[in-house]
Each structure stands twice: as C-alpha cells, then as structure tokens.
Amino acid sequence: MELIDKEKVQQHIDSFSNEKVYLHLETTNGAYASHFDETFFSASAYIRNANISYANGKISGDGPYRVGLKLEIGWVYGEV
C-alpha cells in the first residue's frame, strides 16, 4: 500500500472525466459491530458497480482526504 499522492490521484480523476465509469463506494464507522454497543451511533453507505459519468472531480484535504465527483444530477462524495 502506498501513501496518497493528491496530485497523482487528481490526474487519474481528471483522466476519467466525461467517461462512463463504474463506481464502488463503501463507507462504515462500525455498522458491523454496532450491536455490541447500543450507545454508539453507526452509519454506512454502499453502492456497487453503478455506471456513472462525471463532469469534474476533486480530491482535497491533507488526511482525511475528500473526493467529490460532479454528476449531471448531483454529487458523489467520499472521505477517507
């Protein structure tokens, strides 16, 4: 595994702009373990193999990193 290089990631994001791509986005803050502690709020999101096209995209932050993709009908956003 390599450290995130924002410039390299941005180049990849730009290279797929206005192309049909498949999106897999999965986030969780403990949804799989929430039954062990009822006081802990857990949330998750999951989308797999959604065919999308985005007009532009951006990576930002210094860790955690945020990536947003501007779709025709809105935005897809993730943070890591």
C-alpha atoms as a PDB file:
ATOM      1  CA  MET A   1       0.000   0.000   0.000  1.00  0.00           C
ATOM      2  CA  GLU A   2       1.247   3.489  -0.831  1.00  0.00           C
ATOM      3  CA  LEU A   3       0.625   6.869   0.743  1.00  0.00           C
ATOM      4  CA  ILE A   4      -1.932   9.002  -1.082  1.00  0.00           C
ATOM      5  CA  ASP A   5      -0.322  11.369  -3.587  1.00  0.00           C
ATOM      6  CA  LYS A   6      -3.008  14.011  -4.173  1.00  0.00           C
ATOM      7  CA  GLU A   7      -1.514  15.215  -7.459  1.00  0.00           C
ATOM      8  CA  LYS A   8      -1.384  11.690  -8.877  1.00  0.00           C
ATOM      9  CA  VAL A   9      -4.946  10.953  -7.706  1.00  0.00           C
ATOM     10  CA  GLN A  10      -6.184  14.233  -9.222  1.00  0.00           C
ATOM     11  CA  GLN A  11      -4.571  13.288 -12.555  1.00  0.00           C
ATOM     12  CA  HIS A  12      -6.437   9.960 -12.508  1.00  0.00           C
ATOM     13  CA  ILE A  13      -9.716  11.677 -11.609  1.00  0.00           C
ATOM     14  CA  ASP A  14      -9.240  14.157 -14.461  1.00  0.00           C
ATOM     15  CA  SER A  15      -8.378  11.396 -16.938  1.00  0.00           C
ATOM     16  CA  PHE A  16     -11.803   9.762 -16.491  1.00  0.00           C
ATOM     17  CA  SER A  17     -13.860  12.971 -16.667  1.00  0.00           C
ATOM     18  CA  ASN A  18     -16.855  12.657 -19.032  1.00  0.00           C
ATOM     19  CA  GLU A  19     -16.219   8.899 -19.443  1.00  0.00           C
ATOM     20  CA  LYS A  20     -18.542   6.076 -18.393  1.00  0.00           C
ATOM     21  CA  VAL A  21     -17.017   4.527 -15.257  1.00  0.00           C
ATOM     22  CA  TYR A  22     -18.170   2.056 -12.625  1.00  0.00           C
ATOM     23  CA  LEU A  23     -18.446   3.354  -9.075  1.00  0.00           C
ATOM     24  CA  HIS A  24     -17.947   1.277  -5.949  1.00  0.00           C
ATOM     25  CA  LEU A  25     -18.306   3.275  -2.736  1.00  0.00           C
ATOM     26  CA  GLU A  26     -18.457   1.670   0.685  1.00  0.00           C
ATOM     27  CA  THR A  27     -18.183   3.519   3.973  1.00  0.00           C
ATOM     28  CA  THR A  28     -18.814   2.479   7.555  1.00  0.00           C
ATOM     29  CA  ASN A  29     -17.947   3.723  11.024  1.00  0.00           C
ATOM     30  CA  GLY A  30     -18.715   0.457  12.740  1.00  0.00           C
ATOM     31  CA  ALA A  31     -22.047  -0.690  11.330  1.00  0.00           C
ATOM     32  CA  TYR A  32     -20.939  -4.310  11.505  1.00  0.00           C
ATOM     33  CA  ALA A  33     -20.164  -4.033  15.227  1.00  0.00           C
ATOM     34  CA  SER A  34     -22.922  -1.667  16.395  1.00  0.00           C
ATOM     35  CA  HIS A  35     -24.862  -4.479  18.056  1.00  0.00           C
ATOM     36  CA  PHE A  36     -22.080  -4.691  20.690  1.00  0.00           C
ATOM     37  CA  ASP A  37     -22.678  -1.132  21.960  1.00  0.00           C
ATOM     38  CA  GLU A  38     -26.207   0.270  21.679  1.00  0.00           C
ATOM     39  CA  THR A  39     -24.987   3.784  22.653  1.00  0.00           C
ATOM     40  CA  PHE A  40     -22.726   4.021  19.584  1.00  0.00           C
ATOM     41  CA  PHE A  41     -24.309   5.603  16.504  1.00  0.00           C
ATOM     42  CA  SER A  42     -23.266   3.793  13.364  1.00  0.00           C
ATOM     43  CA  ALA A  43     -23.901   4.714   9.767  1.00  0.00           C
ATOM     44  CA  SER A  44     -22.886   3.277   6.445  1.00  0.00           C
ATOM     45  CA  ALA A  45     -23.328   3.679   2.705  1.00  0.00           C
ATOM     46  CA  TYR A  46     -22.816   1.171  -0.063  1.00  0.00           C
ATOM     47  CA  ILE A  47     -23.053   1.345  -3.837  1.00  0.00           C
ATOM     48  CA  ARG A  48     -21.554  -1.242  -6.161  1.00  0.00           C
ATOM     49  CA  ASN A  49     -20.923  -1.162  -9.910  1.00  0.00           C
ATOM     50  CA  ALA A  50     -23.074   1.900 -10.572  1.00  0.00           C
ATOM     51  CA  ASN A  51     -22.382   3.153 -14.092  1.00  0.00           C
ATOM     52  CA  ILE A  52     -21.773   6.907 -13.870  1.00  0.00           C
ATOM     53  CA  SER A  53     -20.208   9.766 -15.792  1.00  0.00           C
ATOM     54  CA  TYR A  54     -18.918  12.857 -14.007  1.00  0.00           C
ATOM     55  CA  ALA A  55     -18.211  16.328 -15.359  1.00  0.00           C
ATOM     56  CA  ASN A  56     -15.378  17.035 -12.936  1.00  0.00           C
ATOM     57  CA  GLY A  57     -13.882  15.663  -9.760  1.00  0.00           C
ATOM     58  CA  LYS A  58     -11.641  16.881  -6.978  1.00  0.00           C
ATOM     59  CA  ILE A  59      -9.555  15.448  -4.157  1.00  0.00           C
ATOM     60  CA  SER A  60      -8.966  17.745  -1.192  1.00  0.00           C
ATOM     61  CA  GLY A  61      -7.717  17.672   2.381  1.00  0.00           C
ATOM     62  CA  ASP A  62      -4.464  16.630   3.979  1.00  0.00           C
ATOM     63  CA  GLY A  63      -5.801  13.500   5.656  1.00  0.00           C
ATOM     64  CA  PRO A  64      -8.558  12.690   5.944  1.00  0.00           C
ATOM     65  CA  TYR A  65      -8.979  13.141   2.201  1.00  0.00           C
ATOM     66  CA  ARG A  66     -12.246  14.024   0.500  1.00  0.00           C
ATOM     67  CA  VAL A  67     -13.157  13.150  -3.090  1.00  0.00           C
ATOM     68  CA  GLY A  68     -16.160  14.611  -4.876  1.00  0.00           C
ATOM     69  CA  LEU A  69     -17.465  13.792  -8.346  1.00  0.00           C
ATOM     70  CA  LYS A  70     -19.916  16.199 -10.021  1.00  0.00           C
ATOM     71  CA  LEU A  71     -22.625  14.206 -11.789  1.00  0.00           C
ATOM     72  CA  GLU A  72     -25.340  15.549 -14.081  1.00  0.00           C
ATOM     73  CA  ILE A  73     -27.885  15.124 -11.271  1.00  0.00           C
ATOM     74  CA  GLY A  74     -25.770  15.961  -8.217  1.00  0.00           C
ATOM     75  CA  TRP A  75     -22.616  14.919  -6.405  1.00  0.00           C
ATOM     76  CA  VAL A  76     -20.954  11.732  -5.166  1.00  0.00           C
ATOM     77  CA  TYR A  77     -18.713  12.374  -2.170  1.00  0.00           C
ATOM     78  CA  GLY A  78     -16.479  10.222  -0.013  1.00  0.00           C
ATOM     79  CA  GLU A  79     -13.967  10.805   2.778  1.00  0.00           C
ATOM     80  CA  VAL A  80     -11.051   8.666   3.879  1.00  0.00           C
END
